[in-house]
């Protein structure tokens, strides 16, 4: 399943985010579809293909310093097939 994460943090946490990100790896079972860094700062947006377990694991190292908005998404165009199945 695809999940979109909008991850934000406080400006004063920028250095800590950079430090952790340099060492951090995506958990096994999580495929990154896309990831964007907001050029205005303090935000990353990513889409991952994983299950609930992978989603929880991918956020575990960051919950103390980031705020997550996470929701399931469907690639554009696939929603037509989903509506035909009903």
Protein backbone atom coordinates (compact mmCIF):
# COMPACT_ATOMS: atom_id res chain seq x y z
CA UNK A 1 0.00 0.00 0.00
CA UNK A 2 1.16 3.53 -0.73
CA UNK A 3 1.44 6.10 2.05
CA UNK A 4 2.28 9.78 1.78
CA UNK A 5 4.17 11.38 4.66
CA UNK A 6 4.47 15.09 5.19
CA UNK A 7 7.18 15.45 7.80
CA UNK A 8 7.84 18.78 9.49
CA UNK A 9 10.17 19.95 12.23
CA UNK A 10 11.09 23.10 14.10
CA UNK A 11 13.87 25.28 12.62
CA UNK A 12 15.97 24.83 15.76
CA UNK A 13 16.01 21.05 15.12
CA UNK A 14 17.51 21.36 11.62
CA UNK A 15 21.05 20.34 12.64
CA UNK A 16 19.78 17.30 14.55
CA UNK A 17 17.65 16.25 11.56
CA UNK A 18 20.69 16.52 9.25
CA UNK A 19 22.85 14.53 11.68
CA UNK A 20 20.33 11.70 12.03
CA UNK A 21 19.48 11.60 8.32
CA UNK A 22 23.16 11.14 7.39
CA UNK A 23 23.23 7.83 9.32
CA UNK A 24 19.62 6.66 8.88
CA UNK A 25 18.45 4.02 6.38
CA UNK A 26 14.93 3.13 5.30
CA UNK A 27 13.77 -0.09 6.99
CA UNK A 28 13.63 -3.35 5.06
CA UNK A 29 10.28 -3.77 3.35
CA UNK A 30 9.83 -0.04 2.72
CA UNK A 31 10.19 1.09 -0.89
CA UNK A 32 10.52 4.82 -1.42
CA UNK A 33 8.47 5.88 -4.46
CA UNK A 34 9.52 9.52 -4.25
CA UNK A 35 10.94 11.96 -1.73
CA UNK A 36 11.08 15.74 -1.88
CA UNK A 37 12.79 18.28 0.36
CA UNK A 38 10.91 21.54 0.67
CA UNK A 39 13.27 24.30 -0.46
CA UNK A 40 11.71 26.64 2.09
CA UNK A 41 13.02 24.33 4.80
CA UNK A 42 11.82 22.20 7.70
CA UNK A 43 9.72 19.80 5.65
CA UNK A 44 10.09 16.57 3.67
CA UNK A 45 7.37 14.90 1.64
CA UNK A 46 7.66 11.27 0.65
CA UNK A 47 5.57 8.45 -0.74
CA UNK A 48 6.43 4.92 0.35
CA UNK A 49 5.15 1.50 -0.63
CA UNK A 50 4.89 -0.63 2.49
CA UNK A 51 2.55 -2.22 5.00
CA UNK A 52 1.57 -0.84 8.40
CA UNK A 53 4.59 -2.45 10.08
CA UNK A 54 7.02 -0.81 7.66
CA UNK A 55 5.25 2.51 8.08
CA UNK A 56 5.63 2.37 11.86
CA UNK A 57 9.29 1.32 11.59
CA UNK A 58 10.08 4.12 9.15
CA UNK A 59 8.75 6.75 11.56
CA UNK A 60 10.07 5.28 14.84
CA UNK A 61 13.44 7.07 14.82
CA UNK A 62 11.83 10.43 14.13
CA UNK A 63 8.68 10.75 16.26
CA UNK A 64 10.51 12.66 18.99
CA UNK A 65 11.61 15.43 16.60
CA UNK A 66 9.18 15.42 13.63
CA UNK A 67 5.47 15.87 13.18
CA UNK A 68 3.99 13.42 10.67
CA UNK A 69 0.91 13.81 8.53
CA UNK A 70 0.45 10.35 7.02
CA UNK A 71 -2.32 9.08 4.80
CA UNK A 72 -2.89 6.27 2.28
CA UNK A 73 -2.76 7.32 -1.36
CA UNK A 74 -3.48 5.81 -4.76
CA UNK A 75 -1.48 6.68 -7.89
CA UNK A 76 -3.32 8.96 -10.29
CA UNK A 77 -5.31 6.91 -12.79
CA UNK A 78 -5.61 3.83 -10.57
CA UNK A 79 -8.65 5.30 -8.84
CA UNK A 80 -10.66 4.63 -12.04
CA UNK A 81 -10.02 0.90 -11.68
CA UNK A 82 -10.95 0.97 -8.02
CA UNK A 83 -14.32 2.61 -8.75
CA UNK A 84 -15.09 0.04 -11.48
CA UNK A 85 -14.59 -2.84 -9.01
CA UNK A 86 -17.49 -1.64 -6.81
